[in-house]
């Protein structure tokens, strides 16, 4: 959706900071929360100040004792043989592997995460985990705990920020996005046992003693094809909050409860 489309759809006029704070508060976001946010800015309608206003509103709602977290993935730092959107000529693969820059917490941009997450990861005081493909950024008193020691072989597993959020009994905010974007369901994948589960070799460039090296690591082959169905099953049987942030249909739910439910669901349905 282009910005012109968003402006045209904003029939009630622009969305401002105070409206966002009110909508977020009514949804149930409270001071002190650890809040993992997945966000589509365009779904809110046109926001005065764009992603900066959204981030400031979220931080105001959780207060100085709360911690805000967003996925800041950079999936393009991966083996070009796995690329499908778009694919590249196989003849390019060796050149790409040899010349791809290593992951840099400060410099490496997000890919496919949306403008809010990209803005957030660059904020002063925001910390970013060190995974070259599936990093998370956090701001607040629990940020260091959440982002520290994100293991290469644990993109979404027990040594990932998702597991730390689980330990902290954090909340998930799906702001204008579906469960297909809900990364916590990948944590459930790592914990569940099902017949189609598999681990594969992934490639990525990392810096070792200042030298970029192409590195292979084994990790879960994550799938999200059934995440919408999984999320609907959770919503049908559990309490959660649903409301509108601007024009964006949004839900707020407990990450630990959802993850535990998802483990059982995956074991029964995959």
Protein backbone atom coordinates (compact mmCIF):
# COMPACT_ATOMS: atom_id res chain seq x y z
CA UNK A 1 0.00 0.00 0.00
CA UNK A 2 1.43 3.39 -0.98
CA UNK A 3 1.37 6.45 1.27
CA UNK A 4 -1.23 7.98 -1.06
CA UNK A 5 -3.43 4.91 -0.51
CA UNK A 6 -3.05 5.25 3.27
CA UNK A 7 -3.98 8.95 3.17
CA UNK A 8 -7.02 8.17 1.02
CA UNK A 9 -8.14 5.44 3.43
CA UNK A 10 -7.77 7.71 6.48
CA UNK A 11 -11.38 8.88 6.40
CA UNK A 12 -11.32 10.14 10.01
CA UNK A 13 -8.25 12.29 9.44
CA UNK A 14 -4.69 11.74 10.65
CA UNK A 15 -3.94 9.64 13.72
CA UNK A 16 -2.06 11.54 16.44
CA UNK A 17 0.00 10.57 19.49
CA UNK A 18 -2.76 11.03 22.07
CA UNK A 19 -5.17 8.85 20.11
CA UNK A 20 -2.57 6.08 19.92
CA UNK A 21 -1.94 6.26 23.66
CA UNK A 22 -5.66 6.07 24.35
CA UNK A 23 -6.19 3.13 22.00
CA UNK A 24 -3.19 1.24 23.39
CA UNK A 25 -4.32 1.84 26.97
CA UNK A 26 -7.85 0.66 26.23
CA UNK A 27 -6.43 -2.49 24.69
CA UNK A 28 -4.76 -3.25 28.01
CA UNK A 29 -1.16 -2.12 27.71
CA UNK A 30 0.05 -1.08 31.14
CA UNK A 31 3.13 0.43 32.81
CA UNK A 32 5.87 -2.08 33.56
CA UNK A 33 4.97 -4.55 30.81
CA UNK A 34 7.53 -6.41 28.77
CA UNK A 35 5.92 -5.97 25.36
CA UNK A 36 6.88 -7.73 22.12
CA UNK A 37 5.40 -5.76 19.22
CA UNK A 38 4.77 -6.81 15.62
CA UNK A 39 3.44 -3.82 13.71
CA UNK A 40 2.12 -2.67 10.34
CA UNK A 41 2.22 1.13 10.24
CA UNK A 42 -0.01 1.45 7.17
CA UNK A 43 -2.80 -0.51 8.86
CA UNK A 44 -3.16 2.23 11.50
CA UNK A 45 -4.01 4.84 8.83
CA UNK A 46 -1.87 7.93 8.34
CA UNK A 47 0.01 8.77 11.54
CA UNK A 48 1.37 12.25 12.22
CA UNK A 49 5.07 11.58 12.82
CA UNK A 50 4.89 8.07 11.41
CA UNK A 51 6.95 5.39 13.18
CA UNK A 52 8.45 7.85 15.67
CA UNK A 53 4.98 8.66 17.01
CA UNK A 54 4.05 4.97 17.26
CA UNK A 55 7.23 4.15 19.20
CA UNK A 56 6.79 7.10 21.55
CA UNK A 57 3.19 6.12 22.23
CA UNK A 58 4.20 2.53 23.03
CA UNK A 59 6.96 3.70 25.37
CA UNK A 60 4.61 6.13 27.12
CA UNK A 61 2.12 3.34 27.77
CA UNK A 62 4.63 0.88 29.26
CA UNK A 63 6.46 3.62 31.18
CA UNK A 64 10.09 3.71 32.33
CA UNK A 65 9.80 0.34 34.08
CA UNK A 66 8.49 -1.40 30.95
CA UNK A 67 10.58 -2.93 28.18
CA UNK A 68 9.67 -2.69 24.50
CA UNK A 69 10.86 -5.40 22.09
CA UNK A 70 10.58 -5.76 18.31
CA UNK A 71 11.92 -8.28 15.78
CA UNK A 72 14.72 -6.77 13.68
CA UNK A 73 15.41 -9.67 11.36
CA UNK A 74 17.81 -9.43 8.45
CA UNK A 75 16.95 -12.55 6.49
CA UNK A 76 18.94 -11.39 3.49
CA UNK A 77 22.13 -12.33 5.38
CA UNK A 78 21.51 -15.93 4.38
CA UNK A 79 22.58 -18.44 1.79
CA UNK A 80 21.51 -17.19 -1.67
CA UNK A 81 20.64 -20.77 -2.62
CA UNK A 82 17.61 -20.41 -0.29
CA UNK A 83 16.34 -17.14 -1.75
CA UNK A 84 12.95 -17.27 -3.43
CA UNK A 85 11.62 -13.70 -3.14
CA UNK A 86 13.33 -12.98 -5.44
CA UNK A 87 15.71 -15.79 -6.41
CA UNK A 88 19.07 -15.03 -8.01
CA UNK A 89 21.05 -16.80 -10.72
CA UNK A 90 22.93 -19.80 -9.23
CA UNK A 91 26.03 -18.48 -10.96
CA UNK A 92 25.92 -15.54 -8.56
CA UNK A 93 25.95 -17.65 -5.38
CA UNK A 94 29.73 -17.94 -4.86
CA UNK A 95 30.22 -14.20 -5.44
CA UNK A 96 27.45 -13.33 -2.97
CA UNK A 97 28.84 -15.64 -0.28
CA UNK A 98 32.35 -14.23 -0.70
CA UNK A 99 31.32 -10.57 -0.61
CA UNK A 100 28.28 -10.29 1.68
CA UNK A 101 29.05 -7.95 4.63
CA UNK A 102 28.95 -9.46 8.10
CA UNK A 103 26.10 -8.64 10.46
CA UNK A 104 26.58 -5.35 12.29
CA UNK A 105 24.20 -4.54 15.16
CA UNK A 106 24.29 -0.82 14.34
CA UNK A 107 24.56 -0.83 10.56
CA UNK A 108 22.67 -3.89 9.26
CA UNK A 109 19.11 -2.88 8.33
CA UNK A 110 16.02 -4.97 8.89
CA UNK A 111 14.35 -6.72 5.96
CA UNK A 112 10.59 -7.20 5.77
CA UNK A 113 10.04 -6.05 9.37
CA UNK A 114 8.31 -2.78 8.57
CA UNK A 115 9.29 0.83 9.09
CA UNK A 116 8.43 0.90 12.81
CA UNK A 117 10.90 -1.88 13.67
CA UNK A 118 13.55 -0.32 11.44
CA UNK A 119 13.11 3.02 13.20
CA UNK A 120 13.09 1.40 16.64
CA UNK A 121 16.34 -0.54 16.23
CA UNK A 122 18.16 2.76 15.49
CA UNK A 123 16.86 4.58 18.58
CA UNK A 124 19.42 5.80 21.10
CA UNK A 125 19.68 3.35 23.98
CA UNK A 126 18.06 0.51 22.05
CA UNK A 127 19.95 -2.79 22.28
CA UNK A 128 19.97 -5.42 19.54
CA UNK A 129 20.73 -9.12 19.88
CA UNK A 130 23.64 -10.54 17.92
CA UNK A 131 21.95 -13.08 15.68
CA UNK A 132 22.87 -12.27 12.05
CA UNK A 133 19.49 -13.31 10.64
CA UNK A 134 16.91 -13.21 13.45
CA UNK A 135 17.90 -10.44 15.84
CA UNK A 136 15.52 -8.66 18.22
CA UNK A 137 15.86 -5.11 19.56
CA UNK A 138 14.79 -3.98 23.03
CA UNK A 139 14.58 -0.76 25.02
CA UNK A 140 14.06 -0.57 28.76
CA UNK A 141 15.35 -2.06 32.02
CA UNK A 142 15.12 -5.66 30.75
CA UNK A 143 16.70 -4.93 27.35
CA UNK A 144 20.14 -6.29 28.16
CA UNK A 145 18.75 -9.50 29.64
CA UNK A 146 16.54 -10.04 26.60
CA UNK A 147 19.13 -9.35 23.90
CA UNK A 148 22.24 -10.85 25.53
CA UNK A 149 23.74 -14.17 24.34
CA UNK A 150 21.44 -14.86 21.39
CA UNK A 151 22.99 -18.11 20.18
CA UNK A 152 23.59 -18.66 16.46
CA UNK A 153 22.03 -22.15 16.63
CA UNK A 154 19.03 -20.85 18.59
CA UNK A 155 17.31 -18.37 16.30
CA UNK A 156 13.97 -18.78 18.08
CA UNK A 157 14.87 -21.31 20.78
CA UNK A 158 16.00 -21.49 24.37
CA UNK A 159 18.94 -19.11 23.88
CA UNK A 160 16.90 -16.49 22.05
CA UNK A 161 15.14 -13.29 23.16
CA UNK A 162 11.81 -15.11 22.77
CA UNK A 163 12.71 -17.51 25.58
CA UNK A 164 13.75 -14.55 27.76
CA UNK A 165 10.38 -12.86 27.14
CA UNK A 166 8.71 -16.15 28.11
CA UNK A 167 10.65 -16.14 31.40
CA UNK A 168 9.56 -12.55 32.03
CA UNK A 169 5.89 -13.38 31.34
CA UNK A 170 5.81 -10.77 28.60
CA UNK A 171 2.92 -9.79 26.38
CA UNK A 172 2.59 -9.85 22.58
CA UNK A 173 0.98 -7.02 20.64
CA UNK A 174 -0.06 -7.85 17.09
CA UNK A 175 -0.71 -4.34 15.79
CA UNK A 176 -2.43 -4.65 12.44
CA UNK A 177 -0.78 -7.99 11.63
CA UNK A 178 -1.89 -11.62 11.88
CA UNK A 179 -0.45 -14.59 13.74
CA UNK A 180 1.52 -15.34 10.60
CA UNK A 181 3.89 -12.62 11.85
CA UNK A 182 3.87 -13.87 15.45
CA UNK A 183 7.48 -14.91 16.09
CA UNK A 184 6.66 -16.46 19.46
CA UNK A 185 5.01 -19.33 17.63
CA UNK A 186 8.49 -20.21 16.36
CA UNK A 187 9.55 -20.62 20.00
CA UNK A 188 6.73 -23.13 20.31
CA UNK A 189 8.05 -24.91 17.21
CA UNK A 190 11.43 -25.38 18.86
CA UNK A 191 9.80 -26.88 21.96
CA UNK A 192 7.22 -29.10 20.26
CA UNK A 193 7.74 -32.63 18.99
CA UNK A 194 6.11 -33.43 15.63
CA UNK A 195 6.88 -35.68 12.72
CA UNK A 196 7.77 -33.04 10.13
CA UNK A 197 10.16 -31.13 12.37
CA UNK A 198 13.63 -30.84 10.94
CA UNK A 199 16.88 -29.01 11.43
CA UNK A 200 18.86 -27.79 8.46
CA UNK A 201 22.19 -26.12 7.71
CA UNK A 202 21.98 -22.33 7.35
CA UNK A 203 24.68 -20.06 5.94
CA UNK A 204 25.48 -16.50 7.00
CA UNK A 205 28.42 -14.07 7.12
CA UNK A 206 29.74 -13.23 10.58
CA UNK A 207 32.73 -11.29 11.82
CA UNK A 208 35.36 -13.32 13.68
CA UNK A 209 38.21 -11.24 15.11
CA UNK A 210 37.36 -8.52 12.61
CA UNK A 211 37.39 -10.84 9.62
CA UNK A 212 34.19 -11.68 7.74
CA UNK A 213 33.73 -15.43 7.38
CA UNK A 214 30.96 -17.40 5.70
CA UNK A 215 29.63 -19.64 8.46
CA UNK A 216 27.32 -22.65 8.48
CA UNK A 217 25.14 -23.49 11.47
CA UNK A 218 22.39 -26.02 12.16
CA UNK A 219 19.03 -24.79 13.36
CA UNK A 220 15.30 -25.38 13.05
CA UNK A 221 13.71 -25.07 9.62
CA UNK A 222 10.88 -22.72 10.72
CA UNK A 223 7.44 -22.85 9.13
CA UNK A 224 4.52 -20.44 9.47
CA UNK A 225 1.99 -21.98 7.05
CA UNK A 226 -0.40 -22.96 9.84
CA UNK A 227 0.18 -20.07 12.24
CA UNK A 228 -3.08 -18.31 11.35
CA UNK A 229 -5.03 -21.51 12.05
CA UNK A 230 -3.07 -21.99 15.28
CA UNK A 231 -3.79 -18.43 16.38
CA UNK A 232 -7.49 -18.81 15.65
CA UNK A 233 -7.58 -21.96 17.78
CA UNK A 234 -5.97 -20.09 20.66
CA UNK A 235 -8.36 -17.17 20.36
CA UNK A 236 -11.36 -19.52 20.36
CA UNK A 237 -10.43 -20.99 23.73
CA UNK A 238 -8.56 -18.30 25.67
CA UNK A 239 -9.03 -14.81 27.04
CA UNK A 240 -7.19 -12.01 25.29
CA UNK A 241 -7.76 -8.36 24.34
CA UNK A 242 -8.88 -7.23 20.90
CA UNK A 243 -9.37 -3.66 19.75
CA UNK A 244 -8.37 -1.02 17.23
CA UNK A 245 -5.19 1.03 17.29
CA UNK A 246 -6.18 3.79 14.93
CA UNK A 247 -7.78 1.67 12.20
CA UNK A 248 -5.57 -1.36 12.85
CA UNK A 249 -7.29 -4.42 14.26
CA UNK A 250 -4.96 -5.48 17.07
CA UNK A 251 -4.69 -8.08 19.79
CA UNK A 252 -2.81 -8.24 23.07
CA UNK A 253 -2.10 -11.64 24.57
CA UNK A 254 0.20 -13.34 27.09
CA UNK A 255 3.26 -14.83 25.39
CA UNK A 256 3.78 -17.69 27.88
CA UNK A 257 0.19 -18.92 27.69
CA UNK A 258 0.16 -18.72 23.90
CA UNK A 259 3.50 -20.56 23.60
CA UNK A 260 2.37 -23.40 25.89
CA UNK A 261 -0.87 -23.75 23.95
CA UNK A 262 0.99 -23.69 20.64
CA UNK A 263 3.34 -26.49 21.70
CA UNK A 264 0.35 -28.78 22.35
CA UNK A 265 -1.42 -27.64 19.18
CA UNK A 266 1.61 -28.26 16.97
CA UNK A 267 2.12 -31.70 18.42
CA UNK A 268 -1.50 -32.54 17.64
CA UNK A 269 -1.76 -30.96 14.18
CA UNK A 270 1.63 -31.39 12.50
